[in-house]
Amino acid sequence: MGFSIASPNEEKVHDSKSSVQEAVKSGFKTGVLCTFAAAVPTLIGCRTIPWAKANLNHTAQALIISAAGIAGFFITADRTILESARGNTIGKHDK
């Protein structure tokens, strides 16, 4: 029944894990939003615009929609991780 004290490295690992989890959550939310935002005009356009109807098959439509969702996820996750890293660096230099 001894007391354990976390080493400084363990605290850093916990901070990085929480920032990565936060980045994944925000990236997932943005990815879903971007997917729906790209799906609606893509699907409507492929049914109403003659050029799109003739040239964009189901695979092309899926690629357009998924590319928007993936881009939204990675851009948001990267931005969140960079904000966390910037905050950690600024906090260390102010001390």
PDB file of N, CA and C in Angstrom:
ATOM      1  N   MET A   1       0.810  -1.179   0.000  1.00  0.00           N
ATOM      2  CA  MET A   1       0.000   0.000   0.000  1.00  0.00           C
ATOM      3  C   MET A   1       0.861   1.253   0.000  1.00  0.00           C
ATOM      4  N   GLY A   2       1.801   1.288  -0.875  1.00  0.00           N
ATOM      5  CA  GLY A   2       2.664   2.457  -0.955  1.00  0.00           C
ATOM      6  C   GLY A   2       2.055   3.518  -1.859  1.00  0.00           C
ATOM      7  N   PHE A   3       2.534   4.696  -1.692  1.00  0.00           N
ATOM      8  CA  PHE A   3       2.084   5.797  -2.539  1.00  0.00           C
ATOM      9  C   PHE A   3       3.005   5.879  -3.747  1.00  0.00           C
ATOM     10  N   SER A   4       2.412   6.125  -4.882  1.00  0.00           N
ATOM     11  CA  SER A   4       3.231   6.262  -6.081  1.00  0.00           C
ATOM     12  C   SER A   4       3.144   7.693  -6.586  1.00  0.00           C
ATOM     13  N   ILE A   5       4.248   8.180  -7.034  1.00  0.00           N
ATOM     14  CA  ILE A   5       4.327   9.531  -7.563  1.00  0.00           C
ATOM     15  C   ILE A   5       4.673   9.424  -9.044  1.00  0.00           C
ATOM     16  N   ALA A   6       3.906  10.128  -9.850  1.00  0.00           N
ATOM     17  CA  ALA A   6       4.127  10.080 -11.291  1.00  0.00           C
ATOM     18  C   ALA A   6       5.400  10.824 -11.646  1.00  0.00           C
ATOM     19  N   SER A   7       6.164  10.240 -12.523  1.00  0.00           N
ATOM     20  CA  SER A   7       7.360  10.914 -13.004  1.00  0.00           C
ATOM     21  C   SER A   7       6.962  12.011 -13.989  1.00  0.00           C
ATOM     22  N   PRO A   8       7.833  12.958 -14.249  1.00  0.00           N
ATOM     23  CA  PRO A   8       7.495  14.019 -15.214  1.00  0.00           C
ATOM     24  C   PRO A   8       7.170  13.477 -16.604  1.00  0.00           C
ATOM     25  N   ASN A   9       7.801  12.381 -16.989  1.00  0.00           N
ATOM     26  CA  ASN A   9       7.521  11.808 -18.308  1.00  0.00           C
ATOM     27  C   ASN A   9       6.108  11.259 -18.389  1.00  0.00           C
ATOM     28  N   GLU A  10       5.599  10.681 -17.301  1.00  0.00           N
ATOM     29  CA  GLU A  10       4.241  10.144 -17.312  1.00  0.00           C
ATOM     30  C   GLU A  10       3.224  11.258 -17.476  1.00  0.00           C
ATOM     31  N   GLU A  11       3.460  12.404 -16.875  1.00  0.00           N
ATOM     32  CA  GLU A  11       2.543  13.523 -17.018  1.00  0.00           C
ATOM     33  C   GLU A  11       2.533  14.024 -18.458  1.00  0.00           C
ATOM     34  N   LYS A  12       3.685  14.051 -19.109  1.00  0.00           N
ATOM     35  CA  LYS A  12       3.753  14.487 -20.499  1.00  0.00           C
ATOM     36  C   LYS A  12       2.995  13.523 -21.401  1.00  0.00           C
ATOM     37  N   VAL A  13       3.123  12.221 -21.132  1.00  0.00           N
ATOM     38  CA  VAL A  13       2.425  11.230 -21.949  1.00  0.00           C
ATOM     39  C   VAL A  13       0.927  11.409 -21.799  1.00  0.00           C
ATOM     40  N   HIS A  14       0.459  11.664 -20.576  1.00  0.00           N
ATOM     41  CA  HIS A  14      -0.971  11.850 -20.354  1.00  0.00           C
ATOM     42  C   HIS A  14      -1.473  13.078 -21.099  1.00  0.00           C
ATOM     43  N   ASP A  15      -0.704  14.171 -21.077  1.00  0.00           N
ATOM     44  CA  ASP A  15      -1.103  15.385 -21.780  1.00  0.00           C
ATOM     45  C   ASP A  15      -1.175  15.153 -23.281  1.00  0.00           C
ATOM     46  N   SER A  16      -0.202  14.421 -23.823  1.00  0.00           N
ATOM     47  CA  SER A  16      -0.212  14.183 -25.258  1.00  0.00           C
ATOM     48  C   SER A  16      -1.354  13.256 -25.652  1.00  0.00           C
ATOM     49  N   LYS A  17      -1.673  12.275 -24.798  1.00  0.00           N
ATOM     50  CA  LYS A  17      -2.794  11.389 -25.103  1.00  0.00           C
ATOM     51  C   LYS A  17      -4.104  12.160 -25.102  1.00  0.00           C
ATOM     52  N   SER A  18      -4.285  13.049 -24.143  1.00  0.00           N
ATOM     53  CA  SER A  18      -5.536  13.806 -24.088  1.00  0.00           C
ATOM     54  C   SER A  18      -5.644  14.766 -25.267  1.00  0.00           C
ATOM     55  N   SER A  19      -4.533  15.349 -25.696  1.00  0.00           N
ATOM     56  CA  SER A  19      -4.608  16.251 -26.842  1.00  0.00           C
ATOM     57  C   SER A  19      -4.893  15.480 -28.130  1.00  0.00           C
ATOM     58  N   VAL A  20      -4.355  14.278 -28.239  1.00  0.00           N
ATOM     59  CA  VAL A  20      -4.631  13.459 -29.423  1.00  0.00           C
ATOM     60  C   VAL A  20      -6.094  13.013 -29.420  1.00  0.00           C
ATOM     61  N   GLN A  21      -6.607  12.625 -28.253  1.00  0.00           N
ATOM     62  CA  GLN A  21      -8.018  12.228 -28.176  1.00  0.00           C
ATOM     63  C   GLN A  21      -8.928  13.407 -28.503  1.00  0.00           C
ATOM     64  N   GLU A  22      -8.584  14.582 -28.027  1.00  0.00           N
ATOM     65  CA  GLU A  22      -9.362  15.780 -28.339  1.00  0.00           C
ATOM     66  C   GLU A  22      -9.316  16.072 -29.837  1.00  0.00           C
ATOM     67  N   ALA A  23      -8.153  15.887 -30.444  1.00  0.00           N
ATOM     68  CA  ALA A  23      -8.007  16.122 -31.881  1.00  0.00           C
ATOM     69  C   ALA A  23      -8.837  15.127 -32.684  1.00  0.00           C
ATOM     70  N   VAL A  24      -8.861  13.880 -32.260  1.00  0.00           N
ATOM     71  CA  VAL A  24      -9.646  12.864 -32.973  1.00  0.00           C
ATOM     72  C   VAL A  24     -11.134  13.178 -32.869  1.00  0.00           C
ATOM     73  N   LYS A  25     -11.581  13.573 -31.675  1.00  0.00           N
ATOM     74  CA  LYS A  25     -13.000  13.897 -31.499  1.00  0.00           C
ATOM     75  C   LYS A  25     -13.410  15.081 -32.355  1.00  0.00           C
ATOM     76  N   SER A  26     -12.636  16.147 -32.321  1.00  0.00           N
ATOM     77  CA  SER A  26     -12.995  17.318 -33.121  1.00  0.00           C
ATOM     78  C   SER A  26     -12.856  17.031 -34.611  1.00  0.00           C
ATOM     79  N   GLY A  27     -11.852  16.248 -34.991  1.00  0.00           N
ATOM     80  CA  GLY A  27     -11.694  15.874 -36.387  1.00  0.00           C
ATOM     81  C   GLY A  27     -12.837  15.012 -36.891  1.00  0.00           C
ATOM     82  N   PHE A  28     -13.313  14.101 -36.045  1.00  0.00           N
ATOM     83  CA  PHE A  28     -14.433  13.240 -36.432  1.00  0.00           C
ATOM     84  C   PHE A  28     -15.696  14.065 -36.634  1.00  0.00           C
ATOM     85  N   LYS A  29     -15.947  15.000 -35.719  1.00  0.00           N
ATOM     86  CA  LYS A  29     -17.140  15.839 -35.848  1.00  0.00           C
ATOM     87  C   LYS A  29     -17.089  16.660 -37.133  1.00  0.00           C
ATOM     88  N   THR A  30     -15.941  17.237 -37.420  1.00  0.00           N
ATOM     89  CA  THR A  30     -15.805  18.043 -38.633  1.00  0.00           C
ATOM     90  C   THR A  30     -15.868  17.166 -39.879  1.00  0.00           C
ATOM     91  N   GLY A  31     -15.294  15.970 -39.803  1.00  0.00           N
ATOM     92  CA  GLY A  31     -15.340  15.059 -40.943  1.00  0.00           C
ATOM     93  C   GLY A  31     -16.758  14.656 -41.301  1.00  0.00           C
ATOM     94  N   VAL A  32     -17.571  14.377 -40.281  1.00  0.00           N
ATOM     95  CA  VAL A  32     -18.974  14.028 -40.534  1.00  0.00           C
ATOM     96  C   VAL A  32     -19.708  15.207 -41.147  1.00  0.00           C
ATOM     97  N   LEU A  33     -19.475  16.398 -40.607  1.00  0.00           N
ATOM     98  CA  LEU A  33     -20.130  17.595 -41.133  1.00  0.00           C
ATOM     99  C   LEU A  33     -19.717  17.851 -42.587  1.00  0.00           C
ATOM    100  N   CYS A  34     -18.442  17.717 -42.877  1.00  0.00           N
ATOM    101  CA  CYS A  34     -17.966  17.928 -44.252  1.00  0.00           C
ATOM    102  C   CYS A  34     -18.506  16.867 -45.203  1.00  0.00           C
ATOM    103  N   THR A  35     -18.649  15.649 -44.712  1.00  0.00           N
ATOM    104  CA  THR A  35     -19.198  14.588 -45.551  1.00  0.00           C
ATOM    105  C   THR A  35     -20.622  14.909 -45.959  1.00  0.00           C
ATOM    106  N   PHE A  36     -21.444  15.313 -44.996  1.00  0.00           N
ATOM    107  CA  PHE A  36     -22.819  15.671 -45.332  1.00  0.00           C
ATOM    108  C   PHE A  36     -22.880  16.928 -46.193  1.00  0.00           C
ATOM    109  N   ALA A  37     -22.003  17.876 -45.909  1.00  0.00           N
ATOM    110  CA  ALA A  37     -21.989  19.107 -46.696  1.00  0.00           C
ATOM    111  C   ALA A  37     -21.572  18.838 -48.149  1.00  0.00           C
ATOM    112  N   ALA A  38     -20.751  17.830 -48.379  1.00  0.00           N
ATOM    113  CA  ALA A  38     -20.342  17.493 -49.748  1.00  0.00           C
ATOM    114  C   ALA A  38     -21.323  16.537 -50.407  1.00  0.00           C
ATOM    115  N   ALA A  39     -21.986  15.698 -49.611  1.00  0.00           N
ATOM    116  CA  ALA A  39     -22.879  14.688 -50.182  1.00  0.00           C
ATOM    117  C   ALA A  39     -24.115  15.316 -50.816  1.00  0.00           C
ATOM    118  N   VAL A  40     -24.700  16.280 -50.147  1.00  0.00           N
ATOM    119  CA  VAL A  40     -25.953  16.855 -50.650  1.00  0.00           C
ATOM    120  C   VAL A  40     -25.776  17.494 -52.026  1.00  0.00           C
ATOM    121  N   PRO A  41     -24.853  18.440 -52.210  1.00  0.00           N
ATOM    122  CA  PRO A  41     -24.741  19.019 -53.562  1.00  0.00           C
ATOM    123  C   PRO A  41     -24.216  18.036 -54.609  1.00  0.00           C
ATOM    124  N   THR A  42     -23.382  17.094 -54.182  1.00  0.00           N
ATOM    125  CA  THR A  42     -22.863  16.123 -55.150  1.00  0.00           C
ATOM    126  C   THR A  42     -23.986  15.230 -55.675  1.00  0.00           C
ATOM    127  N   LEU A  43     -24.779  14.707 -54.769  1.00  0.00           N
ATOM    128  CA  LEU A  43     -25.862  13.810 -55.195  1.00  0.00           C
ATOM    129  C   LEU A  43     -26.951  14.553 -55.955  1.00  0.00           C
ATOM    130  N   ILE A  44     -27.277  15.747 -55.531  1.00  0.00           N
ATOM    131  CA  ILE A  44     -28.291  16.532 -56.257  1.00  0.00           C
ATOM    132  C   ILE A  44     -27.761  16.930 -57.627  1.00  0.00           C
ATOM    133  N   GLY A  45     -26.499  17.360 -57.673  1.00  0.00           N
ATOM    134  CA  GLY A  45     -25.911  17.760 -58.947  1.00  0.00           C
ATOM    135  C   GLY A  45     -25.820  16.625 -59.944  1.00  0.00           C
ATOM    136  N   CYS A  46     -25.524  15.437 -59.462  1.00  0.00           N
ATOM    137  CA  CYS A  46     -25.389  14.290 -60.366  1.00  0.00           C
ATOM    138  C   CYS A  46     -26.737  13.806 -60.887  1.00  0.00           C
ATOM    139  N   ARG A  47     -27.816  14.274 -60.296  1.00  0.00           N
ATOM    140  CA  ARG A  47     -29.138  13.895 -60.784  1.00  0.00           C
ATOM    141  C   ARG A  47     -29.797  14.996 -61.614  1.00  0.00           C
ATOM    142  N   THR A  48     -29.299  16.227 -61.504  1.00  0.00           N
ATOM    143  CA  THR A  48     -29.955  17.332 -62.208  1.00  0.00           C
ATOM    144  C   THR A  48     -29.092  17.955 -63.307  1.00  0.00           C
ATOM    145  N   ILE A  49     -27.785  17.970 -63.152  1.00  0.00           N
ATOM    146  CA  ILE A  49     -26.904  18.598 -64.144  1.00  0.00           C
ATOM    147  C   ILE A  49     -26.555  17.556 -65.212  1.00  0.00           C
ATOM    148  N   PRO A  50     -26.836  17.844 -66.472  1.00  0.00           N
ATOM    149  CA  PRO A  50     -26.605  16.845 -67.527  1.00  0.00           C
ATOM    150  C   PRO A  50     -25.149  16.390 -67.639  1.00  0.00           C
ATOM    151  N   TRP A  51     -24.191  17.322 -67.516  1.00  0.00           N
ATOM    152  CA  TRP A  51     -22.787  16.920 -67.614  1.00  0.00           C
ATOM    153  C   TRP A  51     -22.415  15.972 -66.489  1.00  0.00           C
ATOM    154  N   ALA A  52     -22.819  16.288 -65.262  1.00  0.00           N
ATOM    155  CA  ALA A  52     -22.489  15.433 -64.124  1.00  0.00           C
ATOM    156  C   ALA A  52     -23.169  14.080 -64.252  1.00  0.00           C
ATOM    157  N   LYS A  53     -24.386  14.071 -64.739  1.00  0.00           N
ATOM    158  CA  LYS A  53     -25.109  12.808 -64.908  1.00  0.00           C
ATOM    159  C   LYS A  53     -24.399  11.907 -65.919  1.00  0.00           C
ATOM    160  N   ALA A  54     -23.834  12.509 -66.952  1.00  0.00           N
ATOM    161  CA  ALA A  54     -23.173  11.730 -67.997  1.00  0.00           C
ATOM    162  C   ALA A  54     -21.764  11.292 -67.603  1.00  0.00           C
ATOM    163  N   ASN A  55     -21.066  12.087 -66.784  1.00  0.00           N
ATOM    164  CA  ASN A  55     -19.644  11.838 -66.556  1.00  0.00           C
ATOM    165  C   ASN A  55     -19.262  11.362 -65.160  1.00  0.00           C
ATOM    166  N   LEU A  56     -20.110  11.502 -64.169  1.00  0.00           N
ATOM    167  CA  LEU A  56     -19.760  11.100 -62.806  1.00  0.00           C
ATOM    168  C   LEU A  56     -20.553   9.858 -62.409  1.00  0.00           C
ATOM    169  N   ASN A  57     -19.866   8.723 -62.429  1.00  0.00           N
ATOM    170  CA  ASN A  57     -20.529   7.493 -62.007  1.00  0.00           C
ATOM    171  C   ASN A  57     -20.535   7.401 -60.482  1.00  0.00           C
ATOM    172  N   HIS A  58     -21.016   6.287 -59.953  1.00  0.00           N
ATOM    173  CA  HIS A  58     -21.132   6.142 -58.495  1.00  0.00           C
ATOM    174  C   HIS A  58     -19.777   6.191 -57.789  1.00  0.00           C
ATOM    175  N   THR A  59     -18.763   5.654 -58.442  1.00  0.00           N
ATOM    176  CA  THR A  59     -17.426   5.675 -57.841  1.00  0.00           C
ATOM    177  C   THR A  59     -16.900   7.107 -57.729  1.00  0.00           C
ATOM    178  N   ALA A  60     -17.094   7.898 -58.752  1.00  0.00           N
ATOM    179  CA  ALA A  60     -16.647   9.292 -58.714  1.00  0.00           C
ATOM    180  C   ALA A  60     -17.391  10.073 -57.639  1.00  0.00           C
ATOM    181  N   GLN A  61     -18.674   9.823 -57.511  1.00  0.00           N
ATOM    182  CA  GLN A  61     -19.459  10.497 -56.476  1.00  0.00           C
ATOM    183  C   GLN A  61     -18.958  10.118 -55.083  1.00  0.00           C
ATOM    184  N   ALA A  62     -18.685   8.845 -54.886  1.00  0.00           N
ATOM    185  CA  ALA A  62     -18.185   8.386 -53.582  1.00  0.00           C
ATOM    186  C   ALA A  62     -16.814   8.986 -53.282  1.00  0.00           C
ATOM    187  N   LEU A  63     -15.972   9.096 -54.291  1.00  0.00           N
ATOM    188  CA  LEU A  63     -14.650   9.693 -54.086  1.00  0.00           C
ATOM    189  C   LEU A  63     -14.741  11.175 -53.731  1.00  0.00           C
ATOM    190  N   ILE A  64     -15.636  11.892 -54.373  1.00  0.00           N
ATOM    191  CA  ILE A  64     -15.807  13.317 -54.067  1.00  0.00           C
ATOM    192  C   ILE A  64     -16.280  13.487 -52.629  1.00  0.00           C
ATOM    193  N   ILE A  65     -17.261  12.709 -52.240  1.00  0.00           N
ATOM    194  CA  ILE A  65     -17.834  12.830 -50.892  1.00  0.00           C
ATOM    195  C   ILE A  65     -16.825  12.408 -49.829  1.00  0.00           C
ATOM    196  N   SER A  66     -16.155  11.279 -50.034  1.00  0.00           N
ATOM    197  CA  SER A  66     -15.211  10.800 -49.022  1.00  0.00           C
ATOM    198  C   SER A  66     -13.969  11.695 -48.937  1.00  0.00           C
ATOM    199  N   ALA A  67     -13.543  12.272 -50.056  1.00  0.00           N
ATOM    200  CA  ALA A  67     -12.389  13.173 -50.018  1.00  0.00           C
ATOM    201  C   ALA A  67     -12.683  14.401 -49.162  1.00  0.00           C
ATOM    202  N   ALA A  68     -13.894  14.912 -49.248  1.00  0.00           N
ATOM    203  CA  ALA A  68     -14.266  16.066 -48.429  1.00  0.00           C
ATOM    204  C   ALA A  68     -14.263  15.702 -46.949  1.00  0.00           C
ATOM    205  N   GLY A  69     -14.799  14.536 -46.611  1.00  0.00           N
ATOM    206  CA  GLY A  69     -14.817  14.108 -45.207  1.00  0.00           C
ATOM    207  C   GLY A  69     -13.428  13.855 -44.654  1.00  0.00           C
ATOM    208  N   ILE A  70     -12.591  13.204 -45.423  1.00  0.00           N
ATOM    209  CA  ILE A  70     -11.224  12.912 -44.983  1.00  0.00           C
ATOM    210  C   ILE A  70     -10.419  14.194 -44.824  1.00  0.00           C
ATOM    211  N   ALA A  71     -10.566  15.111 -45.766  1.00  0.00           N
ATOM    212  CA  ALA A  71      -9.849  16.384 -45.670  1.00  0.00           C
ATOM    213  C   ALA A  71     -10.293  17.159 -44.439  1.00  0.00           C
ATOM    214  N   GLY A  72     -11.585  17.179 -44.174  1.00  0.00           N
ATOM    215  CA  GLY A  72     -12.085  17.871 -42.988  1.00  0.00           C
ATOM    216  C   GLY A  72     -11.530  17.274 -41.712  1.00  0.00           C
ATOM    217  N   PHE A  73     -11.478  15.945 -41.652  1.00  0.00           N
ATOM    218  CA  PHE A  73     -10.938  15.276 -40.466  1.00  0.00           C
ATOM    219  C   PHE A  73      -9.481  15.650 -40.240  1.00  0.00           C
ATOM    220  N   PHE A  74      -8.645  15.478 -41.252  1.00  0.00           N
ATOM    221  CA  PHE A  74      -7.214  15.690 -41.066  1.00  0.00           C
ATOM    222  C   PHE A  74      -6.866  17.157 -40.836  1.00  0.00           C
ATOM    223  N   ILE A  75      -7.545  18.067 -41.501  1.00  0.00           N
ATOM    224  CA  ILE A  75      -7.256  19.483 -41.293  1.00  0.00           C
ATOM    225  C   ILE A  75      -7.599  19.890 -39.868  1.00  0.00           C
ATOM    226  N   THR A  76      -8.755  19.456 -39.383  1.00  0.00           N
ATOM    227  CA  THR A  76      -9.161  19.819 -38.022  1.00  0.00           C
ATOM    228  C   THR A  76      -8.285  19.144 -36.977  1.00  0.00           C
ATOM    229  N   ALA A  77      -7.986  17.870 -37.159  1.00  0.00           N
ATOM    230  CA  ALA A  77      -7.136  17.167 -36.192  1.00  0.00           C
ATOM    231  C   ALA A  77      -5.743  17.786 -36.147  1.00  0.00           C
ATOM    232  N   ASP A  78      -5.188  18.113 -37.299  1.00  0.00           N
ATOM    233  CA  ASP A  78      -3.861  18.731 -37.340  1.00  0.00           C
ATOM    234  C   ASP A  78      -3.873  20.094 -36.673  1.00  0.00           C
ATOM    235  N   ARG A  79      -4.899  20.878 -36.945  1.00  0.00           N
ATOM    236  CA  ARG A  79      -5.000  22.201 -36.336  1.00  0.00           C
ATOM    237  C   ARG A  79      -5.126  22.092 -34.813  1.00  0.00           C
ATOM    238  N   THR A  80      -5.893  21.125 -34.326  1.00  0.00           N
ATOM    239  CA  THR A  80      -6.066  20.947 -32.883  1.00  0.00           C
ATOM    240  C   THR A  80      -4.759  20.535 -32.217  1.00  0.00           C
ATOM    241  N   ILE A  81      -4.022  19.628 -32.832  1.00  0.00           N
ATOM    242  CA  ILE A  81      -2.743  19.186 -32.262  1.00  0.00           C
ATOM    243  C   ILE A  81      -1.731  20.330 -32.280  1.00  0.00           C
ATOM    244  N   LEU A  82      -1.705  21.108 -33.352  1.00  0.00           N
ATOM    245  CA  LEU A  82      -0.781  22.243 -33.412  1.00  0.00           C
ATOM    246  C   LEU A  82      -1.123  23.312 -32.374  1.00  0.00           C
ATOM    247  N   GLU A  83      -2.403  23.553 -32.132  1.00  0.00           N
ATOM    248  CA  GLU A  83      -2.792  24.512 -31.092  1.00  0.00           C
ATOM    249  C   GLU A  83      -2.341  24.023 -29.718  1.00  0.00           C
ATOM    250  N   SER A  84      -2.489  22.734 -29.471  1.00  0.00           N
ATOM    251  CA  SER A  84      -2.059  22.166 -28.198  1.00  0.00           C
ATOM    252  C   SER A  84      -0.542  22.267 -28.046  1.00  0.00           C
ATOM    253  N   ALA A  85       0.185  21.963 -29.101  1.00  0.00           N
ATOM    254  CA  ALA A  85       1.645  22.041 -29.050  1.00  0.00           C
ATOM    255  C   ALA A  85       2.108  23.481 -28.870  1.00  0.00           C
ATOM    256  N   ARG A  86       1.438  24.400 -29.544  1.00  0.00           N
ATOM    257  CA  ARG A  86       1.788  25.805 -29.410  1.00  0.00           C
ATOM    258  C   ARG A  86       1.543  26.286 -27.979  1.00  0.00           C
ATOM    259  N   GLY A  87       0.426  25.847 -27.396  1.00  0.00           N
ATOM    260  CA  GLY A  87       0.137  26.210 -26.011  1.00  0.00           C
ATOM    261  C   GLY A  87       1.151  25.643 -25.039  1.00  0.00           C
ATOM    262  N   ASN A  88       1.581  24.422 -25.281  1.00  0.00           N
ATOM    263  CA  ASN A  88       2.595  23.812 -24.411  1.00  0.00           C
ATOM    264  C   ASN A  88       3.932  24.525 -24.548  1.00  0.00           C
ATOM    265  N   THR A  89       4.290  24.913 -25.753  1.00  0.00           N
ATOM    266  CA  THR A  89       5.573  25.586 -25.973  1.00  0.00           C
ATOM    267  C   THR A  89       5.553  26.979 -25.378  1.00  0.00           C
ATOM    268  N   ILE A  90       4.493  27.710 -25.553  1.00  0.00           N
ATOM    269  CA  ILE A  90       4.401  29.063 -24.997  1.00  0.00           C
ATOM    270  C   ILE A  90       4.417  28.993 -23.488  1.00  0.00           C
ATOM    271  N   GLY A  91       3.736  28.029 -22.900  1.00  0.00           N
ATOM    272  CA  GLY A  91       3.719  27.882 -21.451  1.00  0.00           C
ATOM    273  C   GLY A  91       5.091  27.573 -20.889  1.00  0.00           C
ATOM    274  N   LYS A  92       5.900  26.820 -21.603  1.00  0.00           N
ATOM    275  CA  LYS A  92       7.238  26.471 -21.127  1.00  0.00           C
ATOM    276  C   LYS A  92       8.188  27.665 -21.198  1.00  0.00           C
ATOM    277  N   HIS A  93       8.043  28.495 -22.217  1.00  0.00           N
ATOM    278  CA  HIS A  93       8.951  29.632 -22.379  1.00  0.00           C
ATOM    279  C   HIS A  93       8.602  30.795 -21.476  1.00  0.00           C
ATOM    280  N   ASP A  94       7.351  30.858 -20.993  1.00  0.00           N
ATOM    281  CA  ASP A  94       6.942  31.944 -20.107  1.00  0.00           C
ATOM    282  C   ASP A  94       7.463  31.759 -18.684  1.00  0.00           C
ATOM    283  N   LYS A  95       7.787  30.534 -18.328  1.00  0.00           N
ATOM    284  CA  LYS A  95       8.215  30.261 -16.941  1.00  0.00           C
ATOM    285  C   LYS A  95       9.575  30.781 -16.636  1.00  0.00           C
TER     286      LYS A  95
END
